[in-house]
Structure formats: C-alpha cells, structure tokens
Amino acid sequence: MLGSKKVVEAVPAPAGGNGTDKREVPTAPMRSLNLLEHKSVRWRLDLPAGVRREDLESPVLWSVVSSKLKPLDLIEAVDEQATFWAELICAQGGRFAPIVKLLRVVDLPARTAASDDLPAGHSIVQDPRTGRWRGMRGEVVLVDETSYEQARFALLAHATLRG
C-alpha cells in the first residue's frame, strides 16, 4: 500500500533513558498533505472597543462569531487602536462557545505622525482600521483625510484654529 512504508530509524531514547532506540517511523501518506485553505481558515478579527489581551480567550468574546469557527482555524486579532496584534487558534469548535487559545501577542508601535509645526495639543494619527489620517485635538477628531499631507493642511485650516 502506497504511503504505508515504515523505516527503521534511530531516535532519541525517552526522557531518562540512555542512548537511542530503534523503532519504525511511519511515512506520511500523500493524501495527508493538503493545501491549508482546504483544511482550515485564517480569520481577521477587528476587536471591539474595550477588549483587552486577557479577554482574548474568553468564550463571551467569541459567542456571536462561534458558528464560523472550526477546530484548528487561525485568527489574527487587532485591538481598536492597533496597540497590539494577536494570533489565536480555535482549539475546539462550538456552536455557542468555542475554545480559543492565544498563541502570541505582538505590541505595535503608535501610529502617530509627529510634527513640530502643529499647535499644542494637536496631532495627526492614522486610523488603524481604515488607514485614513485624522487631525486630532486631544481625543476629538477635527478632520479625516486620505493622506497625512491632506490631514495636516485641513487641520491647520480648521475653523477652531483660526484667530
């Protein structure tokens, strides 16, 4: 039978043993190698406001989207402000509460463009979801443009900055 060959190979002895053991190692049959997209799905989740890292494995977070998740699906998650990126795996699918495990978290740098000629308390920040540039006064969005230059121009021309 094709793919069922066994090869005798020297493998390290189990923990605490000395030397090596000889055992048959089965070969992987051709039918076991598949394109990833035929077996599982890679998802992207833009996390809702207020979700923290410690919430990522909570069944409550996944309850609404649980019908889409299957075992071994991978999920990339980004928080609302793009301060972190996380990779998760669906360990067990479930209609109401899948078990999702955190694989890794990466802290992301702030997406802010610093400029010395902006008025005090004002900044230009790139929106992590849309990629658009926002002219801000504190936490208030004054302008929303497609490029940094357009946002800077619109912010400096904004009515609240005119004398």
N, C-alpha and C. Protein backbone atom coordinates (compact mmCIF):
# COMPACT_ATOMS: atom_id res chain seq x y z
N MET A 1 0.86 -1.17 0.00
CA MET A 1 0.00 0.00 0.00
C MET A 1 0.90 1.23 0.00
N LEU A 2 0.61 2.19 -0.89
CA LEU A 2 1.41 3.38 -1.06
C LEU A 2 1.31 4.27 0.18
N GLY A 3 2.42 4.77 0.67
CA GLY A 3 2.42 5.68 1.80
C GLY A 3 2.41 4.98 3.14
N SER A 4 2.45 3.65 3.15
CA SER A 4 2.41 2.96 4.43
C SER A 4 3.74 2.32 4.77
N LYS A 5 4.79 2.69 4.08
CA LYS A 5 6.12 2.16 4.36
C LYS A 5 6.57 2.58 5.74
N LYS A 6 7.33 1.73 6.35
CA LYS A 6 7.90 2.08 7.65
C LYS A 6 9.40 1.94 7.54
N VAL A 7 10.10 2.87 8.14
CA VAL A 7 11.54 2.92 8.07
C VAL A 7 12.09 2.77 9.47
N VAL A 8 13.06 1.92 9.64
CA VAL A 8 13.70 1.77 10.94
C VAL A 8 14.70 2.90 11.08
N GLU A 9 14.58 3.63 12.17
CA GLU A 9 15.41 4.81 12.37
C GLU A 9 15.83 4.87 13.83
N ALA A 10 17.02 5.36 14.06
CA ALA A 10 17.48 5.57 15.43
C ALA A 10 16.90 6.89 15.92
N VAL A 11 16.13 6.84 16.97
CA VAL A 11 15.53 8.04 17.55
C VAL A 11 16.01 8.19 18.98
N PRO A 12 16.04 9.43 19.51
CA PRO A 12 16.48 9.61 20.90
C PRO A 12 15.60 8.81 21.85
N ALA A 13 16.23 8.27 22.87
CA ALA A 13 15.50 7.50 23.87
C ALA A 13 14.56 8.41 24.64
N PRO A 14 13.48 7.85 25.19
CA PRO A 14 12.57 8.67 26.00
C PRO A 14 13.31 9.32 27.16
N ALA A 15 12.70 10.34 27.72
CA ALA A 15 13.32 11.08 28.83
C ALA A 15 13.79 10.11 29.90
N GLY A 16 15.00 10.30 30.35
CA GLY A 16 15.56 9.47 31.41
C GLY A 16 16.29 8.25 30.88
N GLY A 17 16.15 7.96 29.59
CA GLY A 17 16.81 6.80 29.01
C GLY A 17 18.19 7.17 28.49
N ASN A 18 18.97 6.18 28.19
CA ASN A 18 20.31 6.42 27.65
C ASN A 18 20.36 6.00 26.19
N GLY A 19 21.13 6.71 25.40
CA GLY A 19 21.35 6.33 24.02
C GLY A 19 20.15 6.58 23.13
N THR A 20 19.98 5.66 22.18
CA THR A 20 18.88 5.79 21.23
C THR A 20 18.11 4.49 21.15
N ASP A 21 16.86 4.59 20.73
CA ASP A 21 16.03 3.41 20.49
C ASP A 21 15.86 3.28 18.99
N LYS A 22 15.73 2.05 18.52
CA LYS A 22 15.42 1.84 17.11
C LYS A 22 13.96 1.46 17.04
N ARG A 23 13.23 2.23 16.21
CA ARG A 23 11.81 1.92 16.05
C ARG A 23 11.40 2.29 14.64
N GLU A 24 10.28 1.77 14.24
CA GLU A 24 9.77 2.08 12.92
C GLU A 24 9.05 3.43 12.95
N VAL A 25 9.41 4.29 12.01
CA VAL A 25 8.76 5.59 11.88
C VAL A 25 7.93 5.55 10.61
N PRO A 26 6.61 5.73 10.72
CA PRO A 26 5.78 5.67 9.52
C PRO A 26 6.01 6.87 8.62
N THR A 27 5.88 6.66 7.32
CA THR A 27 5.98 7.77 6.38
C THR A 27 4.60 8.43 6.26
N ALA A 28 4.60 9.72 5.96
CA ALA A 28 3.33 10.44 5.79
C ALA A 28 2.77 10.10 4.41
N PRO A 29 1.53 9.60 4.35
CA PRO A 29 0.94 9.30 3.05
C PRO A 29 0.65 10.59 2.26
N MET A 30 0.69 10.49 0.95
CA MET A 30 0.49 11.64 0.08
C MET A 30 -0.85 12.33 0.38
N ARG A 31 -1.89 11.58 0.67
CA ARG A 31 -3.21 12.16 0.90
C ARG A 31 -3.28 13.00 2.19
N SER A 32 -2.26 12.90 3.04
CA SER A 32 -2.28 13.68 4.29
C SER A 32 -1.72 15.09 4.12
N LEU A 33 -1.12 15.38 2.97
CA LEU A 33 -0.57 16.70 2.71
C LEU A 33 -1.55 17.49 1.84
N ASN A 34 -2.15 18.53 2.42
CA ASN A 34 -3.18 19.31 1.73
C ASN A 34 -2.87 20.79 1.82
N LEU A 35 -3.42 21.54 0.89
CA LEU A 35 -3.32 22.99 0.98
C LEU A 35 -4.05 23.46 2.23
N LEU A 36 -3.46 24.41 2.93
CA LEU A 36 -4.05 24.89 4.17
C LEU A 36 -5.48 25.38 3.97
N GLU A 37 -5.73 26.11 2.88
CA GLU A 37 -7.06 26.66 2.67
C GLU A 37 -8.13 25.59 2.42
N HIS A 38 -7.71 24.34 2.17
CA HIS A 38 -8.66 23.25 2.00
C HIS A 38 -9.02 22.60 3.35
N LYS A 39 -8.26 22.89 4.37
CA LYS A 39 -8.46 22.25 5.66
C LYS A 39 -8.90 23.19 6.77
N SER A 40 -8.39 24.40 6.75
CA SER A 40 -8.75 25.35 7.81
C SER A 40 -8.78 26.76 7.23
N VAL A 41 -9.22 27.69 8.05
CA VAL A 41 -9.40 29.06 7.61
C VAL A 41 -8.57 29.98 8.49
N ARG A 42 -8.06 31.05 7.91
CA ARG A 42 -7.37 32.09 8.66
C ARG A 42 -8.29 33.30 8.66
N TRP A 43 -8.66 33.75 9.86
CA TRP A 43 -9.60 34.85 10.04
C TRP A 43 -8.89 36.10 10.53
N ARG A 44 -9.50 37.26 10.32
CA ARG A 44 -9.03 38.53 10.88
C ARG A 44 -10.18 39.11 11.68
N LEU A 45 -9.94 39.42 12.94
CA LEU A 45 -10.96 40.00 13.81
C LEU A 45 -10.50 41.37 14.28
N ASP A 46 -11.28 42.40 13.94
CA ASP A 46 -11.06 43.73 14.49
C ASP A 46 -11.79 43.75 15.81
N LEU A 47 -11.05 43.80 16.89
CA LEU A 47 -11.64 43.68 18.22
C LEU A 47 -12.51 44.88 18.56
N PRO A 48 -13.64 44.64 19.21
CA PRO A 48 -14.49 45.75 19.63
C PRO A 48 -13.80 46.60 20.70
N ALA A 49 -14.26 47.83 20.84
CA ALA A 49 -13.69 48.74 21.85
C ALA A 49 -13.78 48.10 23.24
N GLY A 50 -12.73 48.27 24.00
CA GLY A 50 -12.72 47.80 25.38
C GLY A 50 -12.18 46.39 25.58
N VAL A 51 -11.88 45.67 24.50
CA VAL A 51 -11.34 44.32 24.64
C VAL A 51 -9.86 44.42 24.96
N ARG A 52 -9.46 43.71 26.02
CA ARG A 52 -8.05 43.69 26.43
C ARG A 52 -7.45 42.32 26.11
N ARG A 53 -6.16 42.22 26.22
CA ARG A 53 -5.46 40.96 25.93
C ARG A 53 -6.02 39.80 26.75
N GLU A 54 -6.28 40.06 28.01
CA GLU A 54 -6.76 38.98 28.88
C GLU A 54 -8.17 38.51 28.52
N ASP A 55 -8.86 39.25 27.68
CA ASP A 55 -10.21 38.87 27.24
C ASP A 55 -10.19 37.95 26.03
N LEU A 56 -9.04 37.77 25.39
CA LEU A 56 -8.98 37.07 24.11
C LEU A 56 -9.40 35.60 24.18
N GLU A 57 -9.22 34.95 25.32
CA GLU A 57 -9.60 33.54 25.45
C GLU A 57 -10.97 33.38 26.09
N SER A 58 -11.66 34.48 26.37
CA SER A 58 -12.98 34.41 27.00
C SER A 58 -14.03 33.91 26.00
N PRO A 59 -14.81 32.89 26.36
CA PRO A 59 -15.87 32.40 25.47
C PRO A 59 -16.90 33.47 25.12
N VAL A 60 -17.07 34.45 25.99
CA VAL A 60 -18.04 35.52 25.74
C VAL A 60 -17.65 36.30 24.50
N LEU A 61 -16.36 36.59 24.32
CA LEU A 61 -15.89 37.34 23.16
C LEU A 61 -16.25 36.63 21.86
N TRP A 62 -16.21 35.32 21.85
CA TRP A 62 -16.39 34.52 20.64
C TRP A 62 -17.82 34.03 20.44
N SER A 63 -18.72 34.32 21.35
CA SER A 63 -20.07 33.74 21.31
C SER A 63 -20.86 34.10 20.05
N VAL A 64 -20.73 35.31 19.54
CA VAL A 64 -21.51 35.71 18.36
C VAL A 64 -20.93 35.13 17.07
N VAL A 65 -19.62 35.01 16.98
CA VAL A 65 -18.99 34.52 15.75
C VAL A 65 -18.68 33.02 15.81
N SER A 66 -19.12 32.34 16.84
CA SER A 66 -18.75 30.94 17.05
C SER A 66 -19.18 30.01 15.93
N SER A 67 -20.27 30.31 15.24
CA SER A 67 -20.73 29.41 14.17
C SER A 67 -19.77 29.38 12.99
N LYS A 68 -18.91 30.38 12.85
CA LYS A 68 -17.95 30.42 11.75
C LYS A 68 -16.66 29.67 12.07
N LEU A 69 -16.36 29.48 13.35
CA LEU A 69 -15.07 28.91 13.74
C LEU A 69 -15.11 27.39 13.78
N LYS A 70 -14.08 26.79 13.20
CA LYS A 70 -13.91 25.33 13.20
C LYS A 70 -12.59 25.02 13.89
N PRO A 71 -12.45 23.80 14.42
CA PRO A 71 -11.19 23.43 15.06
C PRO A 71 -10.00 23.65 14.13
N LEU A 72 -8.95 24.20 14.68
CA LEU A 72 -7.67 24.50 14.03
C LEU A 72 -7.70 25.72 13.11
N ASP A 73 -8.81 26.46 13.10
CA ASP A 73 -8.82 27.75 12.40
C ASP A 73 -7.90 28.71 13.13
N LEU A 74 -7.19 29.54 12.38
CA LEU A 74 -6.31 30.54 12.97
C LEU A 74 -7.00 31.91 12.89
N ILE A 75 -6.77 32.73 13.90
CA ILE A 75 -7.41 34.04 13.97
C ILE A 75 -6.34 35.08 14.27
N GLU A 76 -6.31 36.14 13.47
CA GLU A 76 -5.50 37.31 13.78
C GLU A 76 -6.45 38.34 14.37
N ALA A 77 -6.07 38.91 15.49
CA ALA A 77 -6.92 39.90 16.14
C ALA A 77 -6.11 41.17 16.38
N VAL A 78 -6.74 42.32 16.11
CA VAL A 78 -6.11 43.61 16.33
C VAL A 78 -7.07 44.46 17.15
N ASP A 79 -6.56 45.08 18.21
CA ASP A 79 -7.43 45.92 19.03
C ASP A 79 -7.78 47.21 18.28
N GLU A 80 -8.75 47.93 18.79
CA GLU A 80 -9.30 49.10 18.11
C GLU A 80 -8.25 50.17 17.80
N GLN A 81 -7.32 50.37 18.69
CA GLN A 81 -6.30 51.40 18.50
C GLN A 81 -5.01 50.85 17.87
N ALA A 82 -5.04 49.58 17.48
CA ALA A 82 -3.87 48.90 16.90
C ALA A 82 -2.65 49.02 17.80
N THR A 83 -2.84 48.79 19.09
CA THR A 83 -1.71 48.79 20.02
C THR A 83 -1.12 47.39 20.15
N PHE A 84 -1.90 46.35 19.77
CA PHE A 84 -1.36 45.00 19.76
C PHE A 84 -2.03 44.17 18.68
N TRP A 85 -1.30 43.14 18.24
CA TRP A 85 -1.77 42.15 17.29
C TRP A 85 -1.64 40.81 17.97
N ALA A 86 -2.64 39.96 17.83
CA ALA A 86 -2.59 38.65 18.47
C ALA A 86 -2.93 37.56 17.47
N GLU A 87 -2.33 36.40 17.67
CA GLU A 87 -2.66 35.24 16.86
C GLU A 87 -3.25 34.19 17.80
N LEU A 88 -4.39 33.64 17.39
CA LEU A 88 -5.09 32.67 18.21
C LEU A 88 -5.43 31.44 17.37
N ILE A 89 -5.72 30.33 18.04
CA ILE A 89 -6.16 29.13 17.34
C ILE A 89 -7.44 28.64 18.00
N CYS A 90 -8.36 28.19 17.17
CA CYS A 90 -9.60 27.61 17.68
C CYS A 90 -9.28 26.17 18.05
N ALA A 91 -9.17 25.90 19.33
CA ALA A 91 -8.79 24.57 19.81
C ALA A 91 -9.97 23.60 19.71
N GLN A 92 -11.16 24.13 19.91
CA GLN A 92 -12.35 23.28 19.83
C GLN A 92 -13.50 24.14 19.33
N GLY A 93 -14.11 23.70 18.25
CA GLY A 93 -15.25 24.43 17.72
C GLY A 93 -16.46 24.22 18.62
N GLY A 94 -17.35 25.14 18.57
CA GLY A 94 -18.55 25.02 19.37
C GLY A 94 -19.58 26.00 18.89
N ARG A 95 -20.82 25.58 18.87
CA ARG A 95 -21.86 26.45 18.35
C ARG A 95 -22.05 27.68 19.22
N PHE A 96 -21.85 27.53 20.51
CA PHE A 96 -22.12 28.65 21.41
C PHE A 96 -20.86 29.21 22.07
N ALA A 97 -19.89 28.39 22.31
CA ALA A 97 -18.68 28.88 22.99
C ALA A 97 -17.48 28.05 22.58
N PRO A 98 -16.84 28.42 21.47
CA PRO A 98 -15.64 27.67 21.06
C PRO A 98 -14.50 27.94 22.04
N ILE A 99 -13.57 27.02 22.09
CA ILE A 99 -12.39 27.21 22.92
C ILE A 99 -11.30 27.79 22.04
N VAL A 100 -10.89 29.01 22.33
CA VAL A 100 -9.88 29.72 21.55
C VAL A 100 -8.67 29.95 22.45
N LYS A 101 -7.50 29.59 21.95
CA LYS A 101 -6.26 29.71 22.72
C LYS A 101 -5.33 30.73 22.08
N LEU A 102 -4.72 31.54 22.92
CA LEU A 102 -3.78 32.57 22.49
C LEU A 102 -2.43 31.93 22.15
N LEU A 103 -1.93 32.20 20.95
CA LEU A 103 -0.62 31.69 20.54
C LEU A 103 0.48 32.71 20.80
N ARG A 104 0.23 33.96 20.37
CA ARG A 104 1.24 35.00 20.60
C ARG A 104 0.59 36.38 20.49
N VAL A 105 1.26 37.35 21.11
CA VAL A 105 0.83 38.75 21.08
C VAL A 105 2.04 39.59 20.72
N VAL A 106 1.83 40.56 19.83
CA VAL A 106 2.90 41.47 19.42
C VAL A 106 2.44 42.90 19.71
N ASP A 107 3.24 43.64 20.47
CA ASP A 107 2.94 45.06 20.70
C ASP A 107 3.28 45.84 19.44
N LEU A 108 2.38 46.73 19.04
CA LEU A 108 2.59 47.52 17.84
C LEU A 108 2.97 48.95 18.22
N PRO A 109 3.82 49.59 17.42
CA PRO A 109 4.18 50.98 17.71
C PRO A 109 2.99 51.91 17.45
N ALA A 110 2.99 53.03 18.10
CA ALA A 110 1.93 54.02 17.90
C ALA A 110 1.96 54.51 16.47
N ARG A 111 0.78 54.69 15.90
CA ARG A 111 0.67 55.16 14.51
C ARG A 111 0.38 56.65 14.52
N THR A 112 1.32 57.41 15.03
CA THR A 112 1.16 58.86 15.12
C THR A 112 2.26 59.52 14.32
N ALA A 113 1.90 60.57 13.61
CA ALA A 113 2.89 61.36 12.88
C ALA A 113 3.19 62.61 13.68
N ALA A 114 4.39 62.73 14.16
CA ALA A 114 4.76 63.90 14.96
C ALA A 114 5.18 65.03 14.02
N SER A 115 4.75 66.22 14.38
CA SER A 115 5.13 67.39 13.59
C SER A 115 5.30 68.56 14.53
N ASP A 116 6.43 69.25 14.40
CA ASP A 116 6.73 70.37 15.29
C ASP A 116 5.87 71.59 15.00
N ASP A 117 5.32 71.69 13.78
CA ASP A 117 4.57 72.90 13.44
C ASP A 117 3.07 72.80 13.73
N LEU A 118 2.64 71.74 14.38
CA LEU A 118 1.23 71.64 14.78
C LEU A 118 1.03 72.39 16.09
N PRO A 119 -0.14 72.98 16.29
CA PRO A 119 -0.41 73.68 17.54
C PRO A 119 -0.35 72.71 18.74
N ALA A 120 -0.08 73.24 19.89
CA ALA A 120 -0.02 72.43 21.11
C ALA A 120 -1.33 71.69 21.31
N GLY A 121 -1.25 70.41 21.71
CA GLY A 121 -2.45 69.62 21.97
C GLY A 121 -3.07 69.00 20.73
N HIS A 122 -2.47 69.24 19.56
CA HIS A 122 -3.00 68.71 18.30
C HIS A 122 -2.04 67.66 17.76
N SER A 123 -2.59 66.67 17.06
CA SER A 123 -1.77 65.62 16.46
C SER A 123 -2.46 65.09 15.21
N ILE A 124 -1.70 64.37 14.43
CA ILE A 124 -2.23 63.69 13.26
C ILE A 124 -1.95 62.21 13.46
N VAL A 125 -3.02 61.41 13.45
CA VAL A 125 -2.94 59.99 13.79
C VAL A 125 -3.56 59.18 12.65
N GLN A 126 -2.94 58.05 12.32
CA GLN A 126 -3.52 57.18 11.30
C GLN A 126 -4.47 56.19 11.95
N ASP A 127 -5.69 56.11 11.41
CA ASP A 127 -6.70 55.18 11.90
C ASP A 127 -6.26 53.76 11.54
N PRO A 128 -6.14 52.86 12.52
CA PRO A 128 -5.64 51.52 12.24
C PRO A 128 -6.58 50.68 11.38
N ARG A 129 -7.87 50.96 11.41
CA ARG A 129 -8.82 50.15 10.63
C ARG A 129 -8.93 50.61 9.19
N THR A 130 -8.99 51.90 8.97
CA THR A 130 -9.23 52.42 7.63
C THR A 130 -7.97 52.89 6.93
N GLY A 131 -6.93 53.19 7.70
CA GLY A 131 -5.70 53.72 7.12
C GLY A 131 -5.77 55.22 6.85
N ARG A 132 -6.90 55.83 7.15
CA ARG A 132 -7.06 57.28 6.93
C ARG A 132 -6.35 58.05 8.03
N TRP A 133 -6.02 59.30 7.75
CA TRP A 133 -5.31 60.15 8.70
C TRP A 133 -6.29 61.12 9.35
N ARG A 134 -6.19 61.25 10.65
CA ARG A 134 -7.09 62.11 11.40
C ARG A 134 -6.33 63.23 12.09
N GLY A 135 -6.85 64.43 11.93
CA GLY A 135 -6.32 65.57 12.68
C GLY A 135 -7.08 65.63 14.00
N MET A 136 -6.34 65.57 15.08
CA MET A 136 -6.96 65.45 16.41
C MET A 136 -6.61 66.64 17.30
N ARG A 137 -7.55 67.00 18.17
CA ARG A 137 -7.29 67.89 19.29
C ARG A 137 -7.62 67.07 20.52
N GLY A 138 -6.58 66.60 21.19
CA GLY A 138 -6.79 65.66 22.29
C GLY A 138 -7.38 64.38 21.73
N GLU A 139 -8.59 64.02 22.19
CA GLU A 139 -9.28 62.82 21.70
C GLU A 139 -10.34 63.14 20.66
N VAL A 140 -10.52 64.40 20.32
CA VAL A 140 -11.56 64.84 19.39
C VAL A 140 -11.03 64.86 17.96
N VAL A 141 -11.76 64.21 17.05
CA VAL A 141 -11.37 64.20 15.64
C VAL A 141 -11.89 65.48 14.98
N LEU A 142 -10.98 66.28 14.45
CA LEU A 142 -11.36 67.51 13.76
C LEU A 142 -11.46 67.29 12.26
N VAL A 143 -10.54 66.50 11.70
CA VAL A 143 -10.55 66.24 10.26
C VAL A 143 -10.20 64.77 10.01
N ASP A 144 -10.63 64.24 8.87
CA ASP A 144 -10.39 62.86 8.49
C ASP A 144 -10.09 62.84 7.00
N GLU A 145 -8.83 62.53 6.64
CA GLU A 145 -8.39 62.62 5.25
C GLU A 145 -7.66 61.35 4.82
N THR A 146 -7.42 61.22 3.52
CA THR A 146 -6.77 60.02 2.98
C THR A 146 -5.24 60.04 3.08
N SER A 147 -4.63 61.19 3.27
CA SER A 147 -3.17 61.25 3.38
C SER A 147 -2.77 62.15 4.54
N TYR A 148 -1.54 61.97 4.98
CA TYR A 148 -1.01 62.78 6.07
C TYR A 148 -1.01 64.26 5.67
N GLU A 149 -0.56 64.55 4.44
CA GLU A 149 -0.47 65.94 3.98
C GLU A 149 -1.84 66.60 3.96
N GLN A 150 -2.86 65.89 3.47
CA GLN A 150 -4.22 66.44 3.43
C GLN A 150 -4.74 66.68 4.84
N ALA A 151 -4.48 65.75 5.75
CA ALA A 151 -4.94 65.91 7.13
C ALA A 151 -4.25 67.09 7.80
N ARG A 152 -2.95 67.24 7.55
CA ARG A 152 -2.21 68.36 8.13
C ARG A 152 -2.74 69.70 7.61
N PHE A 153 -2.95 69.78 6.30
CA PHE A 153 -3.47 71.00 5.69
C PHE A 153 -4.86 71.33 6.24
N ALA A 154 -5.74 70.32 6.29
CA ALA A 154 -7.10 70.53 6.79
C ALA A 154 -7.12 70.89 8.27
N LEU A 155 -6.22 70.29 9.04
CA LEU A 155 -6.15 70.61 10.48
C LEU A 155 -5.71 72.04 10.69
N LEU A 156 -4.67 72.45 9.99
CA LEU A 156 -4.18 73.83 10.14
C LEU A 156 -5.19 74.87 9.64
N ALA A 157 -6.07 74.45 8.69
CA ALA A 157 -7.10 75.36 8.17
C ALA A 157 -8.41 75.27 8.93
N HIS A 158 -8.47 74.37 9.93
CA HIS A 158 -9.73 74.17 10.66
C HIS A 158 -10.17 75.45 11.38
N ALA A 159 -11.46 75.65 11.42
CA ALA A 159 -12.03 76.90 11.98
C ALA A 159 -11.64 77.11 13.43
N THR A 160 -11.45 76.03 14.19
CA THR A 160 -11.12 76.20 15.62
C THR A 160 -9.71 76.73 15.81
N LEU A 161 -8.88 76.69 14.77
CA LEU A 161 -7.51 77.17 14.89
C LEU A 161 -7.33 78.59 14.34
N ARG A 162 -8.36 79.10 13.71
CA ARG A 162 -8.28 80.47 13.17
C ARG A 162 -8.54 81.47 14.29
N GLY A 163 -7.84 82.56 14.23
CA GLY A 163 -7.93 83.60 15.26
C GLY A 163 -9.18 84.34 15.31
